Amino acid sequence: GYRVQIHFGNARQKAQDIKTECESMFPNIPAYLTYQAPNFKVRIGDCKTRWEAAKILEEVKNNFDVAFIVKDEIALPKL
């Protein structure tokens, strides 16, 4: 699937702050903080298609100007 990456950097606290800020601004979009040495990444959404991710990108790009779409393993909805 796809997600929108809104931050990456080597400061854990800054990444956590950005994740928290995103969750408060967009409570309907799941946010994930991951660590891939040496960077922390904040990615949002669980999109099956690139088109779904593009809709999220359009929604958040004014708040997170470095946002871009990435291919990622996503959480599938529970039945």
PDB file of N, CA and C in Angstrom:
ATOM      1  N   GLY A   1       0.814  -1.189   0.000  1.00  0.00           N
ATOM      2  CA  GLY A   1       0.000   0.000   0.000  1.00  0.00           C
ATOM      3  C   GLY A   1       0.859   1.254   0.000  1.00  0.00           C
ATOM      4  N   TYR A   2       0.248   2.355   0.370  1.00  0.00           N
ATOM      5  CA  TYR A   2       0.927   3.649   0.347  1.00  0.00           C
ATOM      6  C   TYR A   2       0.639   4.436   1.615  1.00  0.00           C
ATOM      7  N   ARG A   3       1.598   5.287   1.960  1.00  0.00           N
ATOM      8  CA  ARG A   3       1.434   6.255   3.039  1.00  0.00           C
ATOM      9  C   ARG A   3       2.023   7.576   2.565  1.00  0.00           C
ATOM     10  N   VAL A   4       1.750   8.624   3.339  1.00  0.00           N
ATOM     11  CA  VAL A   4       2.335   9.935   3.054  1.00  0.00           C
ATOM     12  C   VAL A   4       3.354  10.206   4.161  1.00  0.00           C
ATOM     13  N   GLN A   5       4.599  10.415   3.760  1.00  0.00           N
ATOM     14  CA  GLN A   5       5.638  10.731   4.742  1.00  0.00           C
ATOM     15  C   GLN A   5       5.655  12.234   4.945  1.00  0.00           C
ATOM     16  N   ILE A   6       5.519  12.660   6.212  1.00  0.00           N
ATOM     17  CA  ILE A   6       5.466  14.096   6.505  1.00  0.00           C
ATOM     18  C   ILE A   6       6.704  14.602   7.228  1.00  0.00           C
ATOM     19  N   HIS A   7       7.581  13.669   7.667  1.00  0.00           N
ATOM     20  CA  HIS A   7       8.793  14.107   8.376  1.00  0.00           C
ATOM     21  C   HIS A   7       9.802  12.984   8.412  1.00  0.00           C
ATOM     22  N   PHE A   8      11.072  13.334   8.344  1.00  0.00           N
ATOM     23  CA  PHE A   8      12.138  12.405   8.717  1.00  0.00           C
ATOM     24  C   PHE A   8      13.311  13.212   9.247  1.00  0.00           C
ATOM     25  N   GLY A   9      13.983  12.647  10.224  1.00  0.00           N
ATOM     26  CA  GLY A   9      15.123  13.307  10.835  1.00  0.00           C
ATOM     27  C   GLY A   9      15.647  12.461  11.980  1.00  0.00           C
ATOM     28  N   ASN A  10      16.775  12.880  12.567  1.00  0.00           N
ATOM     29  CA  ASN A  10      17.387  12.051  13.597  1.00  0.00           C
ATOM     30  C   ASN A  10      17.001  12.439  15.022  1.00  0.00           C
ATOM     31  N   ALA A  11      16.080  13.386  15.192  1.00  0.00           N
ATOM     32  CA  ALA A  11      15.638  13.794  16.528  1.00  0.00           C
ATOM     33  C   ALA A  11      14.296  13.125  16.860  1.00  0.00           C
ATOM     34  N   ARG A  12      14.340  12.189  17.814  1.00  0.00           N
ATOM     35  CA  ARG A  12      13.124  11.446  18.174  1.00  0.00           C
ATOM     36  C   ARG A  12      12.020  12.366  18.701  1.00  0.00           C
ATOM     37  N   GLN A  13      12.371  13.311  19.575  1.00  0.00           N
ATOM     38  CA  GLN A  13      11.357  14.175  20.173  1.00  0.00           C
ATOM     39  C   GLN A  13      10.665  15.029  19.116  1.00  0.00           C
ATOM     40  N   LYS A  14      11.415  15.561  18.162  1.00  0.00           N
ATOM     41  CA  LYS A  14      10.817  16.370  17.098  1.00  0.00           C
ATOM     42  C   LYS A  14       9.848  15.525  16.272  1.00  0.00           C
ATOM     43  N   ALA A  15      10.247  14.300  15.954  1.00  0.00           N
ATOM     44  CA  ALA A  15       9.367  13.401  15.201  1.00  0.00           C
ATOM     45  C   ALA A  15       8.093  13.109  15.991  1.00  0.00           C
ATOM     46  N   GLN A  16       8.243  12.856  17.297  1.00  0.00           N
ATOM     47  CA  GLN A  16       7.071  12.592  18.146  1.00  0.00           C
ATOM     48  C   GLN A  16       6.154  13.810  18.193  1.00  0.00           C
ATOM     49  N   ASP A  17       6.741  15.003  18.290  1.00  0.00           N
ATOM     50  CA  ASP A  17       5.944  16.240  18.314  1.00  0.00           C
ATOM     51  C   ASP A  17       5.171  16.420  17.021  1.00  0.00           C
ATOM     52  N   ILE A  18       5.798  16.124  15.890  1.00  0.00           N
ATOM     53  CA  ILE A  18       5.126  16.266  14.596  1.00  0.00           C
ATOM     54  C   ILE A  18       4.002  15.248  14.468  1.00  0.00           C
ATOM     55  N   LYS A  19       4.233  14.023  14.932  1.00  0.00           N
ATOM     56  CA  LYS A  19       3.183  12.994  14.910  1.00  0.00           C
ATOM     57  C   LYS A  19       1.986  13.445  15.739  1.00  0.00           C
ATOM     58  N   THR A  20       2.246  13.956  16.946  1.00  0.00           N
ATOM     59  CA  THR A  20       1.180  14.421  17.831  1.00  0.00           C
ATOM     60  C   THR A  20       0.422  15.591  17.202  1.00  0.00           C
ATOM     61  N   GLU A  21       1.151  16.516  16.610  1.00  0.00           N
ATOM     62  CA  GLU A  21       0.529  17.669  15.939  1.00  0.00           C
ATOM     63  C   GLU A  21      -0.372  17.200  14.796  1.00  0.00           C
ATOM     64  N   CYS A  22       0.110  16.257  14.012  1.00  0.00           N
ATOM     65  CA  CYS A  22      -0.681  15.733  12.888  1.00  0.00           C
ATOM     66  C   CYS A  22      -1.942  15.030  13.390  1.00  0.00           C
ATOM     67  N   GLU A  23      -1.807  14.246  14.454  1.00  0.00           N
ATOM     68  CA  GLU A  23      -2.966  13.534  15.004  1.00  0.00           C
ATOM     69  C   GLU A  23      -4.034  14.500  15.507  1.00  0.00           C
ATOM     70  N   SER A  24      -3.615  15.645  16.035  1.00  0.00           N
ATOM     71  CA  SER A  24      -4.611  16.601  16.510  1.00  0.00           C
ATOM     72  C   SER A  24      -5.257  17.373  15.356  1.00  0.00           C
ATOM     73  N   MET A  25      -4.490  17.646  14.297  1.00  0.00           N
ATOM     74  CA  MET A  25      -5.043  18.372  13.139  1.00  0.00           C
ATOM     75  C   MET A  25      -5.892  17.471  12.240  1.00  0.00           C
ATOM     76  N   PHE A  26      -5.494  16.197  12.138  1.00  0.00           N
ATOM     77  CA  PHE A  26      -6.177  15.250  11.247  1.00  0.00           C
ATOM     78  C   PHE A  26      -6.486  13.962  12.009  1.00  0.00           C
ATOM     79  N   PRO A  27      -7.449  14.014  12.938  1.00  0.00           N
ATOM     80  CA  PRO A  27      -7.722  12.845  13.786  1.00  0.00           C
ATOM     81  C   PRO A  27      -8.235  11.625  13.016  1.00  0.00           C
ATOM     82  N   ASN A  28      -8.719  11.824  11.796  1.00  0.00           N
ATOM     83  CA  ASN A  28      -9.252  10.715  11.010  1.00  0.00           C
ATOM     84  C   ASN A  28      -8.182   9.981  10.202  1.00  0.00           C
ATOM     85  N   ILE A  29      -6.925  10.457  10.256  1.00  0.00           N
ATOM     86  CA  ILE A  29      -5.841   9.828   9.501  1.00  0.00           C
ATOM     87  C   ILE A  29      -4.855   9.201  10.492  1.00  0.00           C
ATOM     88  N   PRO A  30      -4.654   7.879  10.429  1.00  0.00           N
ATOM     89  CA  PRO A  30      -3.700   7.259  11.357  1.00  0.00           C
ATOM     90  C   PRO A  30      -2.267   7.714  11.082  1.00  0.00           C
ATOM     91  N   ALA A  31      -1.487   7.917  12.147  1.00  0.00           N
ATOM     92  CA  ALA A  31      -0.098   8.369  12.029  1.00  0.00           C
ATOM     93  C   ALA A  31       0.828   7.336  12.663  1.00  0.00           C
ATOM     94  N   TYR A  32       1.985   7.162  12.065  1.00  0.00           N
ATOM     95  CA  TYR A  32       2.944   6.160  12.517  1.00  0.00           C
ATOM     96  C   TYR A  32       4.335   6.772  12.628  1.00  0.00           C
ATOM     97  N   LEU A  33       5.019   6.450  13.716  1.00  0.00           N
ATOM     98  CA  LEU A  33       6.399   6.879  13.925  1.00  0.00           C
ATOM     99  C   LEU A  33       7.270   5.630  13.861  1.00  0.00           C
ATOM    100  N   THR A  34       8.226   5.615  12.938  1.00  0.00           N
ATOM    101  CA  THR A  34       9.119   4.471  12.810  1.00  0.00           C
ATOM    102  C   THR A  34      10.562   4.948  12.870  1.00  0.00           C
ATOM    103  N   TYR A  35      11.440   4.019  13.194  1.00  0.00           N
ATOM    104  CA  TYR A  35      12.865   4.318  13.234  1.00  0.00           C
ATOM    105  C   TYR A  35      13.574   3.445  12.221  1.00  0.00           C
ATOM    106  N   GLN A  36      14.298   4.077  11.322  1.00  0.00           N
ATOM    107  CA  GLN A  36      15.134   3.366  10.359  1.00  0.00           C
ATOM    108  C   GLN A  36      16.476   4.080  10.404  1.00  0.00           C
ATOM    109  N   ALA A  37      17.440   3.465  11.070  1.00  0.00           N
ATOM    110  CA  ALA A  37      18.716   4.114  11.374  1.00  0.00           C
ATOM    111  C   ALA A  37      19.259   4.899  10.180  1.00  0.00           C
ATOM    112  N   PRO A  38      19.640   6.144  10.369  1.00  0.00           N
ATOM    113  CA  PRO A  38      19.665   6.900  11.626  1.00  0.00           C
ATOM    114  C   PRO A  38      18.450   7.830  11.787  1.00  0.00           C
ATOM    115  N   ASN A  39      17.379   7.612  11.041  1.00  0.00           N
ATOM    116  CA  ASN A  39      16.279   8.578  11.035  1.00  0.00           C
ATOM    117  C   ASN A  39      14.980   8.037  11.611  1.00  0.00           C
ATOM    118  N   PHE A  40      14.221   8.961  12.203  1.00  0.00           N
ATOM    119  CA  PHE A  40      12.848   8.711  12.604  1.00  0.00           C
ATOM    120  C   PHE A  40      11.953   9.233  11.489  1.00  0.00           C
ATOM    121  N   LYS A  41      10.932   8.460  11.141  1.00  0.00           N
ATOM    122  CA  LYS A  41      10.027   8.854  10.064  1.00  0.00           C
ATOM    123  C   LYS A  41       8.607   8.924  10.601  1.00  0.00           C
ATOM    124  N   VAL A  42       7.883   9.944  10.164  1.00  0.00           N
ATOM    125  CA  VAL A  42       6.468  10.045  10.490  1.00  0.00           C
ATOM    126  C   VAL A  42       5.712   9.880   9.185  1.00  0.00           C
ATOM    127  N   ARG A  43       4.890   8.850   9.140  1.00  0.00           N
ATOM    128  CA  ARG A  43       4.092   8.562   7.946  1.00  0.00           C
ATOM    129  C   ARG A  43       2.634   8.462   8.367  1.00  0.00           C
ATOM    130  N   ILE A  44       1.755   8.855   7.462  1.00  0.00           N
ATOM    131  CA  ILE A  44       0.331   8.857   7.780  1.00  0.00           C
ATOM    132  C   ILE A  44      -0.463   8.123   6.708  1.00  0.00           C
ATOM    133  N   GLY A  45      -1.601   7.586   7.141  1.00  0.00           N
ATOM    134  CA  GLY A  45      -2.526   6.932   6.223  1.00  0.00           C
ATOM    135  C   GLY A  45      -2.280   5.444   6.089  1.00  0.00           C
ATOM    136  N   ASP A  46      -3.296   4.743   5.647  1.00  0.00           N
ATOM    137  CA  ASP A  46      -3.235   3.327   5.276  1.00  0.00           C
ATOM    138  C   ASP A  46      -3.967   3.208   3.944  1.00  0.00           C
ATOM    139  N   CYS A  47      -3.295   3.528   2.859  1.00  0.00           N
ATOM    140  CA  CYS A  47      -3.932   3.625   1.540  1.00  0.00           C
ATOM    141  C   CYS A  47      -3.608   2.412   0.687  1.00  0.00           C
ATOM    142  N   LYS A  48      -4.638   1.820   0.112  1.00  0.00           N
ATOM    143  CA  LYS A  48      -4.434   0.681  -0.781  1.00  0.00           C
ATOM    144  C   LYS A  48      -3.925   1.142  -2.144  1.00  0.00           C
ATOM    145  N   THR A  49      -4.310   2.356  -2.551  1.00  0.00           N
ATOM    146  CA  THR A  49      -3.907   2.853  -3.870  1.00  0.00           C
ATOM    147  C   THR A  49      -3.154   4.171  -3.752  1.00  0.00           C
ATOM    148  N   ARG A  50      -2.362   4.468  -4.773  1.00  0.00           N
ATOM    149  CA  ARG A  50      -1.636   5.734  -4.811  1.00  0.00           C
ATOM    150  C   ARG A  50      -2.635   6.899  -4.876  1.00  0.00           C
ATOM    151  N   TRP A  51      -3.779   6.684  -5.512  1.00  0.00           N
ATOM    152  CA  TRP A  51      -4.807   7.715  -5.624  1.00  0.00           C
ATOM    153  C   TRP A  51      -5.333   8.113  -4.240  1.00  0.00           C
ATOM    154  N   GLU A  52      -5.565   7.131  -3.362  1.00  0.00           N
ATOM    155  CA  GLU A  52      -6.001   7.434  -1.991  1.00  0.00           C
ATOM    156  C   GLU A  52      -4.935   8.255  -1.267  1.00  0.00           C
ATOM    157  N   ALA A  53      -3.669   7.868  -1.439  1.00  0.00           N
ATOM    158  CA  ALA A  53      -2.567   8.601  -0.802  1.00  0.00           C
ATOM    159  C   ALA A  53      -2.481  10.028  -1.334  1.00  0.00           C
ATOM    160  N   ALA A  54      -2.744  10.203  -2.616  1.00  0.00           N
ATOM    161  CA  ALA A  54      -2.704  11.546  -3.209  1.00  0.00           C
ATOM    162  C   ALA A  54      -3.773  12.446  -2.585  1.00  0.00           C
ATOM    163  N   LYS A  55      -4.929  11.887  -2.235  1.00  0.00           N
ATOM    164  CA  LYS A  55      -5.976  12.678  -1.575  1.00  0.00           C
ATOM    165  C   LYS A  55      -5.510  13.145  -0.200  1.00  0.00           C
ATOM    166  N   ILE A  56      -4.832  12.259   0.540  1.00  0.00           N
ATOM    167  CA  ILE A  56      -4.299  12.642   1.854  1.00  0.00           C
ATOM    168  C   ILE A  56      -3.208  13.694   1.685  1.00  0.00           C
ATOM    169  N   LEU A  57      -2.325  13.496   0.716  1.00  0.00           N
ATOM    170  CA  LEU A  57      -1.250  14.464   0.467  1.00  0.00           C
ATOM    171  C   LEU A  57      -1.836  15.846   0.196  1.00  0.00           C
ATOM    172  N   GLU A  58      -2.866  15.899  -0.623  1.00  0.00           N
ATOM    173  CA  GLU A  58      -3.518  17.182  -0.941  1.00  0.00           C
ATOM    174  C   GLU A  58      -4.077  17.837   0.321  1.00  0.00           C
ATOM    175  N   GLU A  59      -4.609  17.018   1.221  1.00  0.00           N
ATOM    176  CA  GLU A  59      -5.215  17.515   2.455  1.00  0.00           C
ATOM    177  C   GLU A  59      -4.182  18.087   3.434  1.00  0.00           C
ATOM    178  N   VAL A  60      -2.993  17.478   3.482  1.00  0.00           N
ATOM    179  CA  VAL A  60      -2.016  17.856   4.505  1.00  0.00           C
ATOM    180  C   VAL A  60      -0.853  18.711   4.008  1.00  0.00           C
ATOM    181  N   LYS A  61      -0.714  18.884   2.699  1.00  0.00           N
ATOM    182  CA  LYS A  61       0.512  19.523   2.189  1.00  0.00           C
ATOM    183  C   LYS A  61       0.682  20.982   2.610  1.00  0.00           C
ATOM    184  N   ASN A  62      -0.395  21.677   2.938  1.00  0.00           N
ATOM    185  CA  ASN A  62      -0.252  23.049   3.419  1.00  0.00           C
ATOM    186  C   ASN A  62       0.355  23.100   4.820  1.00  0.00           C
ATOM    187  N   ASN A  63       0.154  22.035   5.610  1.00  0.00           N
ATOM    188  CA  ASN A  63       0.696  21.976   6.967  1.00  0.00           C
ATOM    189  C   ASN A  63       2.072  21.323   7.020  1.00  0.00           C
ATOM    190  N   PHE A  64       2.328  20.421   6.085  1.00  0.00           N
ATOM    191  CA  PHE A  64       3.598  19.680   6.058  1.00  0.00           C
ATOM    192  C   PHE A  64       4.162  19.771   4.641  1.00  0.00           C
ATOM    193  N   ASP A  65       4.941  20.821   4.395  1.00  0.00           N
ATOM    194  CA  ASP A  65       5.379  21.113   3.028  1.00  0.00           C
ATOM    195  C   ASP A  65       6.389  20.120   2.462  1.00  0.00           C
ATOM    196  N   VAL A  66       6.977  19.272   3.296  1.00  0.00           N
ATOM    197  CA  VAL A  66       7.919  18.277   2.777  1.00  0.00           C
ATOM    198  C   VAL A  66       7.233  16.918   2.537  1.00  0.00           C
ATOM    199  N   ALA A  67       5.923  16.870   2.616  1.00  0.00           N
ATOM    200  CA  ALA A  67       5.181  15.619   2.487  1.00  0.00           C
ATOM    201  C   ALA A  67       5.295  15.042   1.073  1.00  0.00           C
ATOM    202  N   PHE A  68       5.394  13.701   1.021  1.00  0.00           N
ATOM    203  CA  PHE A  68       5.401  13.010  -0.260  1.00  0.00           C
ATOM    204  C   PHE A  68       4.888  11.585  -0.058  1.00  0.00           C
ATOM    205  N   ILE A  69       4.470  10.956  -1.149  1.00  0.00           N
ATOM    206  CA  ILE A  69       3.891   9.615  -1.102  1.00  0.00           C
ATOM    207  C   ILE A  69       5.005   8.573  -1.134  1.00  0.00           C
ATOM    208  N   VAL A  70       4.867   7.548  -0.284  1.00  0.00           N
ATOM    209  CA  VAL A  70       5.824   6.439  -0.261  1.00  0.00           C
ATOM    210  C   VAL A  70       5.082   5.108  -0.290  1.00  0.00           C
ATOM    211  N   LYS A  71       5.701   4.120  -0.885  1.00  0.00           N
ATOM    212  CA  LYS A  71       5.158   2.768  -0.851  1.00  0.00           C
ATOM    213  C   LYS A  71       5.533   2.190   0.518  1.00  0.00           C
ATOM    214  N   ASP A  72       4.588   1.536   1.187  1.00  0.00           N
ATOM    215  CA  ASP A  72       4.834   1.044   2.535  1.00  0.00           C
ATOM    216  C   ASP A  72       3.889  -0.111   2.830  1.00  0.00           C
ATOM    217  N   GLU A  73       4.245  -0.906   3.823  1.00  0.00           N
ATOM    218  CA  GLU A  73       3.302  -1.906   4.321  1.00  0.00           C
ATOM    219  C   GLU A  73       2.258  -1.175   5.140  1.00  0.00           C
ATOM    220  N   ILE A  74       0.999  -1.487   4.904  1.00  0.00           N
ATOM    221  CA  ILE A  74      -0.075  -0.773   5.597  1.00  0.00           C
ATOM    222  C   ILE A  74      -0.868  -1.741   6.482  1.00  0.00           C
ATOM    223  N   ALA A  75      -1.597  -1.152   7.424  1.00  0.00           N
ATOM    224  CA  ALA A  75      -2.507  -1.925   8.265  1.00  0.00           C
ATOM    225  C   ALA A  75      -3.808  -2.088   7.508  1.00  0.00           C
ATOM    226  N   LEU A  76      -4.216  -3.316   7.274  1.00  0.00           N
ATOM    227  CA  LEU A  76      -5.476  -3.543   6.588  1.00  0.00           C
ATOM    228  C   LEU A  76      -6.626  -3.376   7.564  1.00  0.00           C
ATOM    229  N   PRO A  77      -7.771  -2.910   7.064  1.00  0.00           N
ATOM    230  CA  PRO A  77      -8.918  -2.721   7.970  1.00  0.00           C
ATOM    231  C   PRO A  77      -9.397  -4.051   8.549  1.00  0.00           C
ATOM    232  N   LYS A  78      -9.808  -4.020   9.806  1.00  0.00           N
ATOM    233  CA  LYS A  78     -10.321  -5.232  10.452  1.00  0.00           C
ATOM    234  C   LYS A  78     -11.755  -5.467   9.994  1.00  0.00           C
ATOM    235  N   LEU A  79     -12.102  -6.722   9.763  1.00  0.00           N
ATOM    236  CA  LEU A  79     -13.449  -7.053   9.286  1.00  0.00           C
ATOM    237  C   LEU A  79     -14.398  -7.260  10.432  1.00  0.00           C
TER     238      LEU A  79
END
